[in-house]
Amino acid sequence: MKTDPTTYPAQVAFAVSKKNFKHAADRNRVKRLLREAYRLNKAGFYQQLSKHNLSLAVLFIYTAKNITTFNEAESKMKVALNRLIQAYAPGG
């Protein structure tokens, strides 16, 4: 099923290495943290994408070897989303 890019300007996925986190519960916890950090910040991200008429597919890969805190995950997610906008926005 294809999604309409005007409704959802970004498709996002999250990956956590099995090599760094042997237990599925740990991998799932990290992915939950990342998804929540994205969910809280996607409204502004969607506005910027729509403003520049952009549509993106993004894969976030978590490469750290320890489980992060939510506050750190959210601050890094904000930085990543801002960098994506700056990289793909016209004149960015």
Protein backbone atom coordinates (compact mmCIF):
# COMPACT_ATOMS: atom_id res chain seq x y z
CA MET A 1 0.00 0.00 0.00
CA LYS A 2 1.47 3.33 -1.04
CA THR A 3 1.12 6.35 1.17
CA ASP A 4 0.31 9.78 -0.14
CA PRO A 5 3.43 12.00 0.20
CA THR A 6 1.25 15.05 0.85
CA THR A 7 -0.27 13.36 3.91
CA TYR A 8 2.98 11.89 5.19
CA PRO A 9 6.01 13.78 3.89
CA ALA A 10 8.44 11.44 5.66
CA GLN A 11 8.75 7.69 6.02
CA VAL A 12 10.93 6.76 8.96
CA ALA A 13 12.45 3.50 10.22
CA PHE A 14 14.70 2.70 13.16
CA ALA A 15 17.43 0.04 13.39
CA VAL A 16 19.40 -1.17 16.40
CA SER A 17 22.33 -3.56 16.00
CA LYS A 18 22.01 -7.07 17.35
CA LYS A 19 25.78 -7.06 17.68
CA ASN A 20 25.67 -4.23 20.25
CA PHE A 21 22.49 -5.36 22.05
CA LYS A 22 22.23 -9.13 22.38
CA HIS A 23 18.82 -9.09 24.09
CA ALA A 24 15.74 -8.23 22.06
CA ALA A 25 14.29 -6.38 25.05
CA ASP A 26 17.23 -3.94 24.98
CA ARG A 27 16.91 -3.40 21.22
CA ASN A 28 13.17 -2.83 21.57
CA ARG A 29 13.70 -0.34 24.42
CA VAL A 30 16.10 1.73 22.30
CA LYS A 31 13.72 1.68 19.34
CA ARG A 32 10.83 2.76 21.60
CA LEU A 33 12.90 5.69 22.88
CA LEU A 34 13.81 6.74 19.34
CA ARG A 35 10.26 6.41 18.04
CA GLU A 36 8.89 8.52 20.90
CA ALA A 37 11.57 11.19 20.38
CA TYR A 38 10.65 11.28 16.68
CA ARG A 39 6.90 11.36 17.39
CA LEU A 40 7.25 14.39 19.65
CA ASN A 41 9.28 16.32 17.06
CA LYS A 42 7.74 15.24 13.76
CA ALA A 43 5.14 18.03 13.56
CA GLY A 44 7.77 20.72 12.99
CA PHE A 45 9.69 18.37 10.70
CA TYR A 46 6.56 17.77 8.59
CA GLN A 47 5.90 21.52 8.39
CA GLN A 48 9.40 22.18 7.09
CA LEU A 49 9.17 19.34 4.56
CA SER A 50 5.79 20.57 3.31
CA LYS A 51 7.04 24.15 3.15
CA HIS A 52 9.86 23.08 0.83
CA ASN A 53 7.70 20.51 -1.00
CA LEU A 54 9.96 17.63 0.05
CA SER A 55 9.30 13.97 0.71
CA LEU A 56 11.92 11.81 2.44
CA ALA A 57 12.50 8.20 3.45
CA VAL A 58 14.84 8.06 6.45
CA LEU A 59 16.48 5.19 8.33
CA PHE A 60 17.89 6.03 11.75
CA ILE A 61 20.60 3.57 12.80
CA TYR A 62 21.50 3.52 16.49
CA THR A 63 25.23 2.78 16.77
CA ALA A 64 26.01 3.47 20.44
CA LYS A 65 26.91 0.54 22.64
CA ASN A 66 24.78 1.57 25.63
CA ILE A 67 21.15 2.48 26.15
CA THR A 68 20.63 6.23 26.09
CA THR A 69 18.32 8.34 28.20
CA PHE A 70 15.16 9.76 26.68
CA ASN A 71 16.35 13.36 27.07
CA GLU A 72 19.54 12.63 25.18
CA ALA A 73 17.66 10.72 22.47
CA GLU A 74 15.25 13.60 22.01
CA SER A 75 17.97 16.24 21.79
CA LYS A 76 19.89 14.17 19.22
CA MET A 77 16.68 13.57 17.25
CA LYS A 78 16.08 17.33 17.06
CA VAL A 79 19.61 17.83 15.74
CA ALA A 80 19.19 15.06 13.17
CA LEU A 81 15.85 16.39 11.90
CA ASN A 82 17.24 19.91 11.61
CA ARG A 83 20.24 18.61 9.67
CA LEU A 84 17.95 16.73 7.29
CA ILE A 85 15.96 19.88 6.59
CA GLN A 86 19.11 21.94 6.04
CA ALA A 87 20.63 19.30 3.77
CA TYR A 88 17.60 18.89 1.52
CA ALA A 89 15.91 22.28 1.62
CA PRO A 90 16.52 24.47 -1.43
CA GLY A 91 19.46 26.75 -0.77
CA GLY A 92 20.36 24.67 2.30
